Every structure is written in structure tokens, then in C-alpha cells.
N, C-alpha and C. Protein backbone atom coordinates (compact mmCIF):
# COMPACT_ATOMS: atom_id res chain seq x y z
N MET A 1 0.78 -1.18 -0.03
CA MET A 1 -0.02 0.02 0.11
C MET A 1 0.87 1.05 0.11
N ASN A 2 0.64 2.09 -0.73
CA ASN A 2 1.48 3.48 -0.91
C ASN A 2 0.42 4.47 -0.58
N TYR A 3 0.99 5.33 0.30
CA TYR A 3 0.24 6.55 0.77
C TYR A 3 1.25 7.51 1.22
N VAL A 4 0.70 9.17 1.44
CA VAL A 4 1.53 10.03 2.01
C VAL A 4 1.10 10.49 3.03
N LEU A 5 2.10 10.58 4.11
CA LEU A 5 1.56 10.88 5.39
C LEU A 5 2.21 12.44 5.72
N ARG A 6 1.45 13.25 6.02
CA ARG A 6 1.71 14.74 6.41
C ARG A 6 2.30 14.84 8.03
N VAL A 7 3.48 15.28 7.97
CA VAL A 7 4.02 15.17 9.49
C VAL A 7 4.50 16.82 9.79
N SER A 8 4.04 17.10 11.06
CA SER A 8 4.07 18.42 11.43
C SER A 8 5.92 18.66 11.61
N TYR A 9 6.17 19.84 11.13
CA TYR A 9 7.83 20.05 10.83
C TYR A 9 7.82 21.49 11.12
N GLY A 10 8.18 21.91 12.41
CA GLY A 10 8.51 23.37 12.65
C GLY A 10 7.25 24.08 12.41
N ASP A 11 6.93 25.19 11.75
CA ASP A 11 5.59 25.76 11.94
C ASP A 11 4.60 25.26 10.63
N GLY A 12 5.18 24.33 9.84
CA GLY A 12 4.21 23.67 9.03
C GLY A 12 4.39 22.39 9.00
N THR A 13 4.29 21.62 7.67
CA THR A 13 4.13 20.38 7.51
C THR A 13 5.13 19.79 6.38
N ILE A 14 5.44 18.63 6.37
CA ILE A 14 5.91 18.00 5.27
C ILE A 14 5.40 16.84 4.89
N ASP A 15 5.11 16.40 3.56
CA ASP A 15 4.59 15.13 2.95
C ASP A 15 5.80 14.10 2.87
N VAL A 16 5.65 13.08 3.41
CA VAL A 16 6.54 11.87 3.39
C VAL A 16 5.86 10.80 2.59
N ARG A 17 6.15 10.19 1.67
CA ARG A 17 5.50 8.82 1.03
C ARG A 17 5.82 7.58 1.78
N MET A 18 4.94 6.92 2.12
CA MET A 18 4.96 5.51 2.61
C MET A 18 4.69 4.59 1.69
N ASP A 19 5.64 3.56 1.80
CA ASP A 19 5.45 2.18 1.06
C ASP A 19 5.45 1.05 2.03
N ASP A 20 4.16 0.51 2.07
CA ASP A 20 3.62 -0.36 3.31
C ASP A 20 3.51 -1.73 2.77
N TRP A 21 4.21 -2.85 3.48
CA TRP A 21 4.04 -4.15 3.06
C TRP A 21 3.84 -4.85 4.22
N MET A 22 2.92 -5.81 4.09
CA MET A 22 2.47 -6.99 5.08
C MET A 22 2.79 -8.22 4.86
N TYR A 23 3.59 -9.19 5.68
CA TYR A 23 3.66 -10.32 5.37
C TYR A 23 3.11 -11.20 6.78
N LEU A 24 2.39 -12.27 6.03
CA LEU A 24 1.92 -13.03 7.22
C LEU A 24 2.82 -14.36 7.27
N VAL A 25 3.55 -14.50 8.25
CA VAL A 25 4.63 -15.58 8.35
C VAL A 25 4.25 -16.73 9.12
N THR A 26 3.29 -16.79 9.79
CA THR A 26 2.56 -17.94 10.41
C THR A 26 1.30 -17.37 10.76
N PRO A 27 0.10 -18.16 11.05
CA PRO A 27 -1.16 -17.86 11.34
C PRO A 27 -1.47 -16.67 12.37
N ASP A 28 -0.16 -16.63 13.20
CA ASP A 28 -0.22 -15.90 14.49
C ASP A 28 0.71 -14.71 14.59
N THR A 29 1.43 -14.73 13.47
CA THR A 29 2.71 -13.41 13.31
C THR A 29 2.52 -12.82 11.91
N LEU A 30 2.41 -11.45 12.00
CA LEU A 30 2.54 -10.68 10.82
C LEU A 30 3.64 -9.80 10.91
N ILE A 31 4.22 -9.54 9.96
CA ILE A 31 5.45 -8.43 9.83
C ILE A 31 4.94 -7.38 9.07
N ASN A 32 5.07 -6.13 9.28
CA ASN A 32 4.62 -5.01 8.66
C ASN A 32 5.86 -4.21 8.46
N GLN A 33 6.37 -3.89 7.33
CA GLN A 33 7.44 -3.02 7.01
C GLN A 33 7.12 -2.09 6.27
N THR A 34 7.79 -0.89 6.51
CA THR A 34 7.10 0.46 5.87
C THR A 34 8.40 1.23 5.63
N THR A 35 8.73 1.62 4.42
CA THR A 35 9.84 2.44 3.83
C THR A 35 9.24 3.84 3.58
N MET A 36 9.79 4.78 4.06
CA MET A 36 9.62 6.34 4.11
C MET A 36 10.50 6.93 3.08
N SER A 37 10.15 7.84 2.21
CA SER A 37 10.88 8.49 1.24
C SER A 37 10.31 9.95 1.08
N LYS A 38 11.30 10.84 0.81
CA LYS A 38 11.00 12.29 0.17
C LYS A 38 11.65 12.54 -0.77
N TRP A 39 11.51 12.94 -2.04
CA TRP A 39 11.69 13.37 -3.13
C TRP A 39 12.47 12.12 -3.64
N GLY A 40 12.00 10.78 -3.65
CA GLY A 40 12.46 9.63 -4.12
C GLY A 40 13.67 9.14 -3.11
N VAL A 41 14.10 9.65 -2.37
CA VAL A 41 15.13 9.02 -1.34
C VAL A 41 14.55 8.54 -0.30
N ASP A 42 15.03 7.41 0.13
CA ASP A 42 14.81 6.84 1.41
C ASP A 42 15.40 7.39 2.39
N VAL A 43 14.55 7.79 3.32
CA VAL A 43 14.63 8.59 4.65
C VAL A 43 14.45 7.81 6.05
N GLY A 44 13.81 6.56 5.97
CA GLY A 44 13.52 5.81 7.07
C GLY A 44 12.84 4.57 6.77
N GLU A 45 12.94 3.78 7.87
CA GLU A 45 12.10 2.44 7.55
C GLU A 45 11.78 2.04 9.14
N VAL A 46 10.25 1.27 9.00
CA VAL A 46 9.70 0.73 10.26
C VAL A 46 9.53 -0.57 10.02
N VAL A 47 9.87 -1.27 10.97
CA VAL A 47 9.51 -2.63 10.84
C VAL A 47 8.86 -3.36 12.19
N LEU A 48 7.55 -3.77 12.15
CA LEU A 48 6.64 -4.16 13.22
C LEU A 48 6.62 -5.83 12.95
N VAL A 49 6.56 -6.39 14.22
CA VAL A 49 6.21 -7.61 14.43
C VAL A 49 4.94 -7.79 15.11
N ILE A 50 3.87 -8.36 14.81
CA ILE A 50 2.52 -8.36 15.38
C ILE A 50 2.31 -9.73 15.72
N GLN A 51 2.10 -10.09 16.69
CA GLN A 51 1.72 -11.46 17.41
C GLN A 51 0.35 -11.54 17.92
N LYS A 52 -0.45 -12.50 17.59
CA LYS A 52 -1.63 -12.79 18.03
C LYS A 52 -1.57 -13.75 19.43
N HIS A 53 -2.09 -13.25 20.44
CA HIS A 53 -1.88 -14.15 21.61
C HIS A 53 -3.39 -14.51 22.18
N GLU A 54 -3.30 -15.75 22.69
CA GLU A 54 -4.47 -16.30 23.25
C GLU A 54 -5.34 -15.24 24.46
N SER A 55 -6.47 -15.17 24.21
CA SER A 55 -7.09 -14.38 25.25
C SER A 55 -6.79 -14.70 26.77
N GLY A 56 -6.25 -13.72 27.53
CA GLY A 56 -5.95 -14.00 28.96
C GLY A 56 -4.30 -14.09 29.04
N ALA A 57 -3.76 -14.50 27.99
CA ALA A 57 -2.29 -14.89 27.89
C ALA A 57 -1.46 -13.62 28.12
N THR A 58 -0.36 -13.68 28.82
CA THR A 58 0.67 -12.68 28.89
C THR A 58 1.90 -12.82 27.90
N PRO A 59 2.06 -11.83 27.15
CA PRO A 59 3.21 -11.96 26.23
C PRO A 59 4.57 -12.17 26.61
């Protein structure tokens, strides 16, 4: 998924392009990888691991 994130910066805002990918590695584990770019140059990356836990279980 591609979208633009408007971020507060100083007295204004800047627009950063987000390229979002999600990978289901197991039925209980999802990896979300997002690359951020400005003017076609990669400026950051976020990788999240999301795990499903049974109700009442402690991580």
C-alpha cells in the first residue's frame, strides 16, 4: 500500500511517501515493513512484528 503521511515540522508540515508491505509468516505472526521516502530518497524504515496471543495470555 502506498500513501502520503503529512508530518508536522517546525511551523508547517512536510509530506512523506510511505510504502507499506505486510507479510503473514505464520497464522499468528504478521510482519509490517514500511519504507519512508522524500523526493525519491529513502529517509527511514519501520518494521513491526505483530503477534496474536490467546485471550488472557501474557506476552
